[in-house]
Amino acid sequence: MTEEKKEKWIFIVNPIAGNSFAGTMVPEIENKIKEYNINGEVVLTECPGHATEISKSSAEKGVKYIIAVGGDGTFNEVARSLINNKEVVAGIIPAGSGNDYCQITGFPNRFTDHEWDIFFRKNVVAQDVGNVNGTVFLNGLGIGFDAEVAAQNYTDEGMVRKGGSDKYIWQIVKTLLFFREKRMVVISNGDRHETDCFMNTVSIGRRFAGSFFLTPKAIADDGLLDVCSIKKLNLFHRFRLLLMVPKGKHINDKRVNYFQTASIDLEFPGKVPYHVDGELFFAKTFNVRLIPAGLNIIYNPDGNHFFKSV
């Protein structure tokens, strides 16, 4: 592998991410490539899964820095082919709607010249990665109430429904009012127990849906998954806990079981919706495992990152 290939960069842009904001960043990225005199190129994705294909082929060709430009889903697509590849460094230029993953790296939701400067300093850390039923996650996995809200955004054909923030808020309220908990078997740390699941989060990161700190103690390189399991709630406590989540205060409530583990298995009577880094799936059983230090990632050492080893 030549030095030129080792230092080559590729920016994989999902042009429709962030209501097409990511696509508008292409000229800025091209200008930064020239400004910082790096050996880089910009490639636009054309369909779901295309980012994974580009990422995989780029790594095979010796590209050193493989950067996603988009939201959490775009980054997941880019990163999934790079797990346990010690020769490659991933990165994200946040340009999606929620941008929860970028919080792990210490970068803000949008880049200014200051963030670009830090980004091209190439500070790298190896973060942990989660795997559920063969699908990797870089931020987290959610089952229960939040997954049910996410499912409301999809048609029976699997297409994303169109609508603004008002419609999303209505979906949250409607689900709070009518959601019914499912019986869940939990197997972890040598323990097996059953509970009625209002919401169950297994994570690498801390923040979800833009402002909800469901796992506020999570460290992205501690070799452990953080689990926040919320038991059956009456209507009053549903609203009460939801108001506590943005500051992470919900974990002190007796109805919340918060713990850490390297693996966890979950079982339900039937298939339930779940989301992985914002992407929706359905399953009855969940085998969740940790891949320690599974991905090299560019981070901001001056930001509020979620790493302890740096």
C-alpha atoms as a PDB file:
ATOM      1  CA  MET A   1       0.000   0.000   0.000  1.00  0.00           C
ATOM      2  CA  THR A   2       1.488   3.322  -1.036  1.00  0.00           C
ATOM      3  CA  GLU A   3       1.627   6.409   1.154  1.00  0.00           C
ATOM      4  CA  GLU A   4      -0.762   8.178  -1.236  1.00  0.00           C
ATOM      5  CA  LYS A   5      -3.397   5.481  -0.832  1.00  0.00           C
ATOM      6  CA  LYS A   6      -2.981   5.413   2.937  1.00  0.00           C
ATOM      7  CA  GLU A   7      -3.768   9.107   3.129  1.00  0.00           C
ATOM      8  CA  LYS A   8      -6.584   9.186   0.593  1.00  0.00           C
ATOM      9  CA  TRP A   9      -9.961  10.512   1.753  1.00  0.00           C
ATOM     10  CA  ILE A  10     -13.434   9.815   0.439  1.00  0.00           C
ATOM     11  CA  PHE A  11     -16.565  11.732   1.458  1.00  0.00           C
ATOM     12  CA  ILE A  12     -19.713   9.662   0.974  1.00  0.00           C
ATOM     13  CA  VAL A  13     -22.651  12.063   0.747  1.00  0.00           C
ATOM     14  CA  ASN A  14     -26.285  11.034   1.129  1.00  0.00           C
ATOM     15  CA  PRO A  15     -27.795  13.936  -0.852  1.00  0.00           C
ATOM     16  CA  ILE A  16     -31.296  13.572   0.627  1.00  0.00           C
ATOM     17  CA  ALA A  17     -30.209  13.429   4.290  1.00  0.00           C
ATOM     18  CA  GLY A  18     -31.416  16.256   6.515  1.00  0.00           C
ATOM     19  CA  ASN A  19     -34.196  17.180   4.077  1.00  0.00           C
ATOM     20  CA  SER A  20     -31.523  17.401   1.357  1.00  0.00           C
ATOM     21  CA  PHE A  21     -29.204  19.600   3.451  1.00  0.00           C
ATOM     22  CA  ALA A  22     -26.370  17.083   2.999  1.00  0.00           C
ATOM     23  CA  GLY A  23     -26.508  17.538  -0.763  1.00  0.00           C
ATOM     24  CA  THR A  24     -25.991  21.277  -0.414  1.00  0.00           C
ATOM     25  CA  MET A  25     -22.722  20.655   1.450  1.00  0.00           C
ATOM     26  CA  VAL A  26     -20.906  19.251  -1.588  1.00  0.00           C
ATOM     27  CA  PRO A  27     -19.381  22.591  -2.713  1.00  0.00           C
ATOM     28  CA  GLU A  28     -18.206  23.294   0.848  1.00  0.00           C
ATOM     29  CA  ILE A  29     -16.581  19.866   1.117  1.00  0.00           C
ATOM     30  CA  GLU A  30     -14.854  20.302  -2.235  1.00  0.00           C
ATOM     31  CA  ASN A  31     -13.534  23.679  -1.090  1.00  0.00           C
ATOM     32  CA  LYS A  32     -12.207  22.157   2.148  1.00  0.00           C
ATOM     33  CA  ILE A  33     -10.438  19.414   0.201  1.00  0.00           C
ATOM     34  CA  LYS A  34      -8.573  22.132  -1.708  1.00  0.00           C
ATOM     35  CA  GLU A  35      -8.029  24.350   1.331  1.00  0.00           C
ATOM     36  CA  TYR A  36      -6.440  21.569   3.396  1.00  0.00           C
ATOM     37  CA  ASN A  37      -4.646  20.101   0.379  1.00  0.00           C
ATOM     38  CA  ILE A  38      -5.814  16.562   0.992  1.00  0.00           C
ATOM     39  CA  ASN A  39      -6.077  13.725  -1.506  1.00  0.00           C
ATOM     40  CA  GLY A  40      -9.847  13.433  -1.432  1.00  0.00           C
ATOM     41  CA  GLU A  41     -12.965  12.959  -3.510  1.00  0.00           C
ATOM     42  CA  VAL A  42     -16.716  13.320  -3.031  1.00  0.00           C
ATOM     43  CA  VAL A  43     -19.164  10.567  -4.006  1.00  0.00           C
ATOM     44  CA  LEU A  44     -22.965  10.796  -3.807  1.00  0.00           C
ATOM     45  CA  THR A  45     -25.120   7.825  -2.863  1.00  0.00           C
ATOM     46  CA  GLU A  46     -27.939   6.838  -5.206  1.00  0.00           C
ATOM     47  CA  CYS A  47     -30.055   4.409  -3.171  1.00  0.00           C
ATOM     48  CA  PRO A  48     -30.284   2.677   0.246  1.00  0.00           C
ATOM     49  CA  GLY A  49     -27.256   0.457   0.826  1.00  0.00           C
ATOM     50  CA  HIS A  50     -25.122   2.308  -1.711  1.00  0.00           C
ATOM     51  CA  ALA A  51     -23.043   3.944   1.040  1.00  0.00           C
ATOM     52  CA  THR A  52     -22.026   0.497   2.292  1.00  0.00           C
ATOM     53  CA  GLU A  53     -20.935  -0.563  -1.192  1.00  0.00           C
ATOM     54  CA  ILE A  54     -18.860   2.593  -1.653  1.00  0.00           C
ATOM     55  CA  SER A  55     -17.315   2.272   1.803  1.00  0.00           C
ATOM     56  CA  LYS A  56     -16.402  -1.380   1.324  1.00  0.00           C
ATOM     57  CA  SER A  57     -14.845  -0.872  -2.096  1.00  0.00           C
ATOM     58  CA  SER A  58     -12.965   2.215  -0.884  1.00  0.00           C
ATOM     59  CA  ALA A  59     -11.416   0.281   2.003  1.00  0.00           C
ATOM     60  CA  GLU A  60     -10.414  -2.515  -0.360  1.00  0.00           C
ATOM     61  CA  LYS A  61      -8.690   0.056  -2.593  1.00  0.00           C
ATOM     62  CA  GLY A  62      -6.652   1.367   0.330  1.00  0.00           C
ATOM     63  CA  VAL A  63      -8.531   4.559   1.148  1.00  0.00           C
ATOM     64  CA  LYS A  64      -7.501   5.590   4.668  1.00  0.00           C
ATOM     65  CA  TYR A  65     -10.255   8.016   5.715  1.00  0.00           C
ATOM     66  CA  ILE A  66     -13.847   7.116   4.848  1.00  0.00           C
ATOM     67  CA  ILE A  67     -16.231   9.899   5.818  1.00  0.00           C
ATOM     68  CA  ALA A  68     -20.033   9.873   5.912  1.00  0.00           C
ATOM     69  CA  VAL A  69     -21.920  13.086   5.171  1.00  0.00           C
ATOM     70  CA  GLY A  70     -25.475  12.732   6.422  1.00  0.00           C
ATOM     71  CA  GLY A  71     -27.318  11.501   9.484  1.00  0.00           C
ATOM     72  CA  ASP A  72     -27.062   8.489  11.777  1.00  0.00           C
ATOM     73  CA  GLY A  73     -28.433   6.108   9.146  1.00  0.00           C
ATOM     74  CA  THR A  74     -25.894   7.221   6.566  1.00  0.00           C
ATOM     75  CA  PHE A  75     -23.042   6.806   9.028  1.00  0.00           C
ATOM     76  CA  ASN A  76     -24.263   3.327   9.980  1.00  0.00           C
ATOM     77  CA  GLU A  77     -24.238   2.325   6.311  1.00  0.00           C
ATOM     78  CA  VAL A  78     -20.710   3.647   5.856  1.00  0.00           C
ATOM     79  CA  ALA A  79     -19.325   2.139   9.059  1.00  0.00           C
ATOM     80  CA  ARG A  80     -20.851  -1.341   8.927  1.00  0.00           C
ATOM     81  CA  SER A  81     -18.310  -2.582   6.364  1.00  0.00           C
ATOM     82  CA  LEU A  82     -15.387  -1.152   8.365  1.00  0.00           C
ATOM     83  CA  ILE A  83     -15.869  -2.984  11.669  1.00  0.00           C
ATOM     84  CA  ASN A  84     -12.613  -4.434  13.037  1.00  0.00           C
ATOM     85  CA  ASN A  85     -10.650  -2.954  10.117  1.00  0.00           C
ATOM     86  CA  LYS A  86      -7.673  -1.426  11.916  1.00  0.00           C
ATOM     87  CA  GLU A  87      -6.258   0.133   8.730  1.00  0.00           C
ATOM     88  CA  VAL A  88      -9.200   2.444   8.095  1.00  0.00           C
ATOM     89  CA  VAL A  89     -10.559   5.494   9.936  1.00  0.00           C
ATOM     90  CA  ALA A  90     -14.223   6.483   9.734  1.00  0.00           C
ATOM     91  CA  GLY A  91     -15.681   9.921  10.309  1.00  0.00           C
ATOM     92  CA  ILE A  92     -18.945  11.802  10.119  1.00  0.00           C
ATOM     93  CA  ILE A  93     -19.839  15.266   8.885  1.00  0.00           C
ATOM     94  CA  PRO A  94     -23.278  15.641  10.522  1.00  0.00           C
ATOM     95  CA  ALA A  95     -25.891  16.710   7.994  1.00  0.00           C
ATOM     96  CA  GLY A  96     -28.974  14.749   9.012  1.00  0.00           C
ATOM     97  CA  SER A  97     -32.086  15.652  10.962  1.00  0.00           C
ATOM     98  CA  GLY A  98     -31.315  14.234  14.421  1.00  0.00           C
ATOM     99  CA  ASN A  99     -27.528  13.802  14.338  1.00  0.00           C
ATOM    100  CA  ASP A 100     -27.419  11.852  17.600  1.00  0.00           C
ATOM    101  CA  TYR A 101     -24.283   9.884  16.747  1.00  0.00           C
ATOM    102  CA  CYS A 102     -22.032  12.932  16.288  1.00  0.00           C
ATOM    103  CA  GLN A 103     -22.505  13.713  19.997  1.00  0.00           C
ATOM    104  CA  ILE A 104     -20.336  10.685  20.764  1.00  0.00           C
ATOM    105  CA  THR A 105     -17.442  12.197  18.823  1.00  0.00           C
ATOM    106  CA  GLY A 106     -17.672  15.616  20.475  1.00  0.00           C
ATOM    107  CA  PHE A 107     -18.620  17.483  17.308  1.00  0.00           C
ATOM    108  CA  PRO A 108     -21.724  19.712  17.115  1.00  0.00           C
ATOM    109  CA  ASN A 109     -24.665  19.185  14.764  1.00  0.00           C
ATOM    110  CA  ARG A 110     -23.238  21.558  12.169  1.00  0.00           C
ATOM    111  CA  PHE A 111     -19.642  22.371  11.193  1.00  0.00           C
ATOM    112  CA  THR A 112     -18.068  25.830  11.164  1.00  0.00           C
ATOM    113  CA  ASP A 113     -14.502  26.579  10.043  1.00  0.00           C
ATOM    114  CA  HIS A 114     -13.391  25.737  13.592  1.00  0.00           C
ATOM    115  CA  GLU A 115     -14.818  22.202  13.418  1.00  0.00           C
ATOM    116  CA  TRP A 116     -13.353  21.605   9.972  1.00  0.00           C
ATOM    117  CA  ASP A 117      -9.941  22.561  11.316  1.00  0.00           C
ATOM    118  CA  ILE A 118     -10.239  20.103  14.218  1.00  0.00           C
ATOM    119  CA  PHE A 119     -11.606  17.403  11.921  1.00  0.00           C
ATOM    120  CA  PHE A 120      -8.602  17.517   9.598  1.00  0.00           C
ATOM    121  CA  ARG A 121      -6.190  17.201  12.524  1.00  0.00           C
ATOM    122  CA  LYS A 122      -7.195  13.513  12.405  1.00  0.00           C
ATOM    123  CA  ASN A 123      -7.514  12.758  16.122  1.00  0.00           C
ATOM    124  CA  VAL A 124      -8.552   9.103  16.219  1.00  0.00           C
ATOM    125  CA  VAL A 125     -10.009   6.815  18.886  1.00  0.00           C
ATOM    126  CA  ALA A 126     -11.296   3.227  18.709  1.00  0.00           C
ATOM    127  CA  GLN A 127     -14.933   3.082  19.777  1.00  0.00           C
ATOM    128  CA  ASP A 128     -17.051   0.113  20.783  1.00  0.00           C
ATOM    129  CA  VAL A 129     -19.711  -1.217  18.420  1.00  0.00           C
ATOM    130  CA  GLY A 130     -22.958  -3.038  19.143  1.00  0.00           C
ATOM    131  CA  ASN A 131     -24.424  -5.933  17.182  1.00  0.00           C
ATOM    132  CA  VAL A 132     -28.052  -7.068  17.317  1.00  0.00           C
ATOM    133  CA  ASN A 133     -29.107 -10.108  15.296  1.00  0.00           C
ATOM    134  CA  GLY A 134     -26.233  -9.501  12.887  1.00  0.00           C
ATOM    135  CA  THR A 135     -26.849  -5.763  12.412  1.00  0.00           C
ATOM    136  CA  VAL A 136     -24.300  -3.327  13.843  1.00  0.00           C
ATOM    137  CA  PHE A 137     -25.171  -0.161  15.729  1.00  0.00           C
ATOM    138  CA  LEU A 138     -22.895   2.754  16.561  1.00  0.00           C
ATOM    139  CA  ASN A 139     -25.280   4.680  18.807  1.00  0.00           C
ATOM    140  CA  GLY A 140     -28.053   2.442  20.029  1.00  0.00           C
ATOM    141  CA  LEU A 141     -30.919  -0.008  19.813  1.00  0.00           C
ATOM    142  CA  GLY A 142     -34.435   0.833  20.985  1.00  0.00           C
ATOM    143  CA  ILE A 143     -37.438  -1.408  21.695  1.00  0.00           C
ATOM    144  CA  GLY A 144     -40.857  -0.468  23.026  1.00  0.00           C
ATOM    145  CA  PHE A 145     -42.414   2.985  23.155  1.00  0.00           C
ATOM    146  CA  ASP A 146     -39.829   4.841  21.049  1.00  0.00           C
ATOM    147  CA  ALA A 147     -39.745   2.085  18.434  1.00  0.00           C
ATOM    148  CA  GLU A 148     -43.538   2.185  18.254  1.00  0.00           C
ATOM    149  CA  VAL A 149     -43.380   5.942  17.619  1.00  0.00           C
ATOM    150  CA  ALA A 150     -40.813   5.306  14.880  1.00  0.00           C
ATOM    151  CA  ALA A 151     -43.051   2.641  13.335  1.00  0.00           C
ATOM    152  CA  GLN A 152     -45.809   5.236  12.975  1.00  0.00           C
ATOM    153  CA  ASN A 153     -43.574   7.031  10.476  1.00  0.00           C
ATOM    154  CA  TYR A 154     -43.713   4.104   8.042  1.00  0.00           C
ATOM    155  CA  THR A 155     -46.477   2.897   5.734  1.00  0.00           C
ATOM    156  CA  ASP A 156     -47.402  -0.783   5.414  1.00  0.00           C
ATOM    157  CA  GLU A 157     -45.178  -0.852   2.324  1.00  0.00           C
ATOM    158  CA  GLY A 158     -42.178   0.309   4.370  1.00  0.00           C
ATOM    159  CA  MET A 159     -42.090   3.830   2.972  1.00  0.00           C
ATOM    160  CA  VAL A 160     -41.415   6.822   5.238  1.00  0.00           C
ATOM    161  CA  ARG A 161     -44.539   8.903   5.791  1.00  0.00           C
ATOM    162  CA  LYS A 162     -44.319  12.592   4.990  1.00  0.00           C
ATOM    163  CA  GLY A 163     -45.079  15.092   7.727  1.00  0.00           C
ATOM    164  CA  GLY A 164     -43.625  17.851   9.856  1.00  0.00           C
ATOM    165  CA  SER A 165     -42.805  18.218  13.534  1.00  0.00           C
ATOM    166  CA  ASP A 166     -46.473  18.704  14.479  1.00  0.00           C
ATOM    167  CA  LYS A 167     -47.330  15.280  13.109  1.00  0.00           C
ATOM    168  CA  TYR A 168     -44.370  13.723  14.941  1.00  0.00           C
ATOM    169  CA  ILE A 169     -45.459  15.295  18.240  1.00  0.00           C
ATOM    170  CA  TRP A 170     -48.971  13.944  17.705  1.00  0.00           C
ATOM    171  CA  GLN A 171     -47.535  10.457  17.138  1.00  0.00           C
ATOM    172  CA  ILE A 172     -45.656  10.696  20.444  1.00  0.00           C
ATOM    173  CA  VAL A 173     -48.772  11.808  22.334  1.00  0.00           C
ATOM    174  CA  LYS A 174     -50.946   9.162  20.686  1.00  0.00           C
ATOM    175  CA  THR A 175     -48.445   6.422  21.502  1.00  0.00           C
ATOM    176  CA  LEU A 176     -48.139   7.639  25.101  1.00  0.00           C
ATOM    177  CA  LEU A 177     -51.905   7.357  25.459  1.00  0.00           C
ATOM    178  CA  PHE A 178     -52.494   4.013  23.788  1.00  0.00           C
ATOM    179  CA  PHE A 179     -49.229   2.021  23.881  1.00  0.00           C
ATOM    180  CA  ARG A 180     -49.498  -1.352  25.623  1.00  0.00           C
ATOM    181  CA  GLU A 181     -46.408  -2.955  27.127  1.00  0.00           C
ATOM    182  CA  LYS A 182     -45.267  -6.380  25.920  1.00  0.00           C
ATOM    183  CA  ARG A 183     -43.955  -9.129  28.187  1.00  0.00           C
ATOM    184  CA  MET A 184     -40.180  -9.372  27.829  1.00  0.00           C
ATOM    185  CA  VAL A 185     -37.669 -11.993  28.979  1.00  0.00           C
ATOM    186  CA  VAL A 186     -34.236 -10.543  29.799  1.00  0.00           C
ATOM    187  CA  ILE A 187     -31.081 -12.675  29.999  1.00  0.00           C
ATOM    188  CA  SER A 188     -27.878 -10.863  30.996  1.00  0.00           C
ATOM    189  CA  ASN A 189     -24.958 -11.116  33.429  1.00  0.00           C
ATOM    190  CA  GLY A 190     -26.059 -14.613  34.432  1.00  0.00           C
ATOM    191  CA  ASP A 191     -29.551 -13.429  35.367  1.00  0.00           C
ATOM    192  CA  ARG A 192     -32.905 -14.271  33.770  1.00  0.00           C
ATOM    193  CA  HIS A 193     -36.081 -12.369  34.580  1.00  0.00           C
ATOM    194  CA  GLU A 194     -39.349 -11.219  33.015  1.00  0.00           C
ATOM    195  CA  THR A 195     -40.856  -7.759  32.913  1.00  0.00           C
ATOM    196  CA  ASP A 196     -43.431  -5.723  31.019  1.00  0.00           C
ATOM    197  CA  CYS A 197     -41.434  -3.523  28.636  1.00  0.00           C
ATOM    198  CA  PHE A 198     -42.433   0.107  28.216  1.00  0.00           C
ATOM    199  CA  MET A 199     -39.051   0.920  26.710  1.00  0.00           C
ATOM    200  CA  ASN A 200     -35.715  -0.858  26.485  1.00  0.00           C
ATOM    201  CA  THR A 201     -32.570   0.870  25.204  1.00  0.00           C
ATOM    202  CA  VAL A 202     -29.187  -0.794  24.631  1.00  0.00           C
ATOM    203  CA  SER A 203     -26.511   1.672  23.667  1.00  0.00           C
ATOM    204  CA  ILE A 204     -23.006   2.813  22.903  1.00  0.00           C
ATOM    205  CA  GLY A 205     -23.981   6.503  22.984  1.00  0.00           C
ATOM    206  CA  ARG A 206     -26.252   8.584  25.190  1.00  0.00           C
ATOM    207  CA  ARG A 207     -28.639  10.655  23.085  1.00  0.00           C
ATOM    208  CA  PHE A 208     -31.605   9.646  20.935  1.00  0.00           C
ATOM    209  CA  ALA A 209     -34.286  11.466  18.912  1.00  0.00           C
ATOM    210  CA  GLY A 210     -32.363  14.724  19.114  1.00  0.00           C
ATOM    211  CA  SER A 211     -32.743  15.474  22.825  1.00  0.00           C
ATOM    212  CA  PHE A 212     -33.480  12.315  24.839  1.00  0.00           C
ATOM    213  CA  PHE A 213     -30.582  11.135  27.028  1.00  0.00           C
ATOM    214  CA  LEU A 214     -31.874   7.619  27.635  1.00  0.00           C
ATOM    215  CA  THR A 215     -28.465   6.221  28.641  1.00  0.00           C
ATOM    216  CA  PRO A 216     -26.700   9.236  30.203  1.00  0.00           C
ATOM    217  CA  LYS A 217     -23.844   7.216  31.714  1.00  0.00           C
ATOM    218  CA  ALA A 218     -22.723   5.567  28.475  1.00  0.00           C
ATOM    219  CA  ILE A 219     -19.033   5.664  27.550  1.00  0.00           C
ATOM    220  CA  ALA A 220     -18.255   4.707  23.961  1.00  0.00           C
ATOM    221  CA  ASP A 221     -14.957   2.930  24.647  1.00  0.00           C
ATOM    222  CA  ASP A 222     -15.448   1.238  28.039  1.00  0.00           C
ATOM    223  CA  GLY A 223     -16.091  -2.253  26.661  1.00  0.00           C
ATOM    224  CA  LEU A 224     -19.687  -2.288  27.922  1.00  0.00           C
ATOM    225  CA  LEU A 225     -23.203  -1.762  26.631  1.00  0.00           C
ATOM    226  CA  ASP A 226     -25.453   0.511  28.676  1.00  0.00           C
ATOM    227  CA  VAL A 227     -29.000  -0.768  29.189  1.00  0.00           C
ATOM    228  CA  CYS A 228     -31.979   1.338  30.271  1.00  0.00           C
ATOM    229  CA  SER A 229     -35.044  -0.821  30.855  1.00  0.00           C
ATOM    230  CA  ILE A 230     -38.271   0.968  31.808  1.00  0.00           C
ATOM    231  CA  LYS A 231     -41.031  -1.164  33.303  1.00  0.00           C
ATOM    232  CA  LYS A 232     -44.783  -0.886  32.834  1.00  0.00           C
ATOM    233  CA  LEU A 233     -46.029   2.649  33.519  1.00  0.00           C
ATOM    234  CA  ASN A 234     -49.412   4.214  34.107  1.00  0.00           C
ATOM    235  CA  LEU A 235     -50.312   7.306  32.097  1.00  0.00           C
ATOM    236  CA  PHE A 236     -49.126   9.765  34.760  1.00  0.00           C
ATOM    237  CA  HIS A 237     -45.685   8.180  35.048  1.00  0.00           C
ATOM    238  CA  ARG A 238     -45.334   7.965  31.271  1.00  0.00           C
ATOM    239  CA  PHE A 239     -45.584  11.739  30.958  1.00  0.00           C
ATOM    240  CA  ARG A 240     -43.515  12.267  34.119  1.00  0.00           C
ATOM    241  CA  LEU A 241     -40.602  10.109  32.968  1.00  0.00           C
ATOM    242  CA  LEU A 242     -40.698  11.522  29.462  1.00  0.00           C
ATOM    243  CA  LEU A 243     -40.120  14.985  30.916  1.00  0.00           C
ATOM    244  CA  MET A 244     -37.145  13.667  32.920  1.00  0.00           C
ATOM    245  CA  VAL A 245     -35.363  11.949  30.020  1.00  0.00           C
ATOM    246  CA  PRO A 246     -33.893  15.075  28.328  1.00  0.00           C
ATOM    247  CA  LYS A 247     -31.672  15.607  31.394  1.00  0.00           C
ATOM    248  CA  GLY A 248     -31.125  11.911  32.108  1.00  0.00           C
ATOM    249  CA  LYS A 249     -32.865  12.144  35.503  1.00  0.00           C
ATOM    250  CA  HIS A 250     -35.185   9.215  34.763  1.00  0.00           C
ATOM    251  CA  ILE A 251     -32.537   6.652  35.716  1.00  0.00           C
ATOM    252  CA  ASN A 252     -33.081   7.480  39.410  1.00  0.00           C
ATOM    253  CA  ASP A 253     -36.715   6.361  39.248  1.00  0.00           C
ATOM    254  CA  LYS A 254     -37.537   2.977  40.803  1.00  0.00           C
ATOM    255  CA  ARG A 255     -39.366   1.944  37.630  1.00  0.00           C
ATOM    256  CA  VAL A 256     -36.129   2.151  35.656  1.00  0.00           C
ATOM    257  CA  ASN A 257     -33.499  -0.588  35.654  1.00  0.00           C
ATOM    258  CA  TYR A 258     -30.138   0.780  34.467  1.00  0.00           C
ATOM    259  CA  PHE A 259     -27.114  -1.497  34.136  1.00  0.00           C
ATOM    260  CA  GLN A 260     -24.088  -2.346  32.000  1.00  0.00           C
ATOM    261  CA  THR A 261     -23.217  -5.586  30.255  1.00  0.00           C
ATOM    262  CA  ALA A 262     -21.182  -7.027  27.396  1.00  0.00           C
ATOM    263  CA  SER A 263     -24.159  -9.002  26.081  1.00  0.00           C
ATOM    264  CA  ILE A 264     -27.907  -9.256  26.522  1.00  0.00           C
ATOM    265  CA  ASP A 265     -30.647 -11.480  25.102  1.00  0.00           C
ATOM    266  CA  LEU A 266     -34.290 -10.410  24.920  1.00  0.00           C
ATOM    267  CA  GLU A 267     -37.381 -12.428  24.032  1.00  0.00           C
ATOM    268  CA  PHE A 268     -40.963 -11.351  23.257  1.00  0.00           C
ATOM    269  CA  PRO A 269     -44.138 -13.397  22.619  1.00  0.00           C
ATOM    270  CA  GLY A 270     -44.263 -12.091  19.033  1.00  0.00           C
ATOM    271  CA  LYS A 271     -42.479  -9.734  16.661  1.00  0.00           C
ATOM    272  CA  VAL A 272     -42.085  -6.148  17.878  1.00  0.00           C
ATOM    273  CA  PRO A 273     -40.636  -3.058  16.165  1.00  0.00           C
ATOM    274  CA  TYR A 274     -37.143  -1.923  17.059  1.00  0.00           C
ATOM    275  CA  HIS A 275     -34.830   0.762  15.723  1.00  0.00           C
ATOM    276  CA  VAL A 276     -31.091   0.568  15.133  1.00  0.00           C
ATOM    277  CA  ASP A 277     -29.426   3.962  14.634  1.00  0.00           C
ATOM    278  CA  GLY A 278     -32.755   5.250  13.343  1.00  0.00           C
ATOM    279  CA  GLU A 279     -33.532   2.353  10.983  1.00  0.00           C
ATOM    280  CA  LEU A 280     -36.658   0.292  11.714  1.00  0.00           C
ATOM    281  CA  PHE A 281     -36.798  -3.521  11.952  1.00  0.00           C
ATOM    282  CA  PHE A 282     -39.064  -6.191  13.476  1.00  0.00           C
ATOM    283  CA  ALA A 283     -38.067  -9.253  15.519  1.00  0.00           C
ATOM    284  CA  LYS A 284     -39.195 -11.592  18.296  1.00  0.00           C
ATOM    285  CA  THR A 285     -35.809 -12.419  19.810  1.00  0.00           C
ATOM    286  CA  PHE A 286     -32.778 -10.176  20.210  1.00  0.00           C
ATOM    287  CA  ASN A 287     -29.183 -11.311  20.607  1.00  0.00           C
ATOM    288  CA  VAL A 288     -27.132  -8.231  21.453  1.00  0.00           C
ATOM    289  CA  ARG A 289     -23.352  -8.360  21.683  1.00  0.00           C
ATOM    290  CA  LEU A 290     -20.522  -5.854  22.083  1.00  0.00           C
ATOM    291  CA  ILE A 291     -17.593  -5.560  19.691  1.00  0.00           C
ATOM    292  CA  PRO A 292     -14.936  -3.779  21.787  1.00  0.00           C
ATOM    293  CA  ALA A 293     -12.881  -1.095  20.024  1.00  0.00           C
ATOM    294  CA  GLY A 294     -14.468  -2.162  16.743  1.00  0.00           C
ATOM    295  CA  LEU A 295     -14.238   1.099  14.792  1.00  0.00           C
ATOM    296  CA  ASN A 296     -11.572   3.778  14.391  1.00  0.00           C
ATOM    297  CA  ILE A 297     -13.288   7.164  14.410  1.00  0.00           C
ATOM    298  CA  ILE A 298     -12.230  10.817  14.119  1.00  0.00           C
ATOM    299  CA  TYR A 299     -13.262  12.702  17.271  1.00  0.00           C
ATOM    300  CA  ASN A 300     -13.004  16.197  18.725  1.00  0.00           C
ATOM    301  CA  PRO A 301     -10.635  16.182  21.739  1.00  0.00           C
ATOM    302  CA  ASP A 302     -11.850  19.663  22.719  1.00  0.00           C
ATOM    303  CA  GLY A 303     -15.542  18.738  22.609  1.00  0.00           C
ATOM    304  CA  ASN A 304     -17.859  16.926  25.020  1.00  0.00           C
ATOM    305  CA  HIS A 305     -17.096  13.505  23.585  1.00  0.00           C
ATOM    306  CA  PHE A 306     -18.120  10.208  25.196  1.00  0.00           C
ATOM    307  CA  PHE A 307     -14.681   8.559  25.399  1.00  0.00           C
ATOM    308  CA  LYS A 308     -12.635   7.821  28.503  1.00  0.00           C
ATOM    309  CA  SER A 309      -9.353   6.537  27.020  1.00  0.00           C
ATOM    310  CA  VAL A 310      -8.385   9.873  25.428  1.00  0.00           C
END
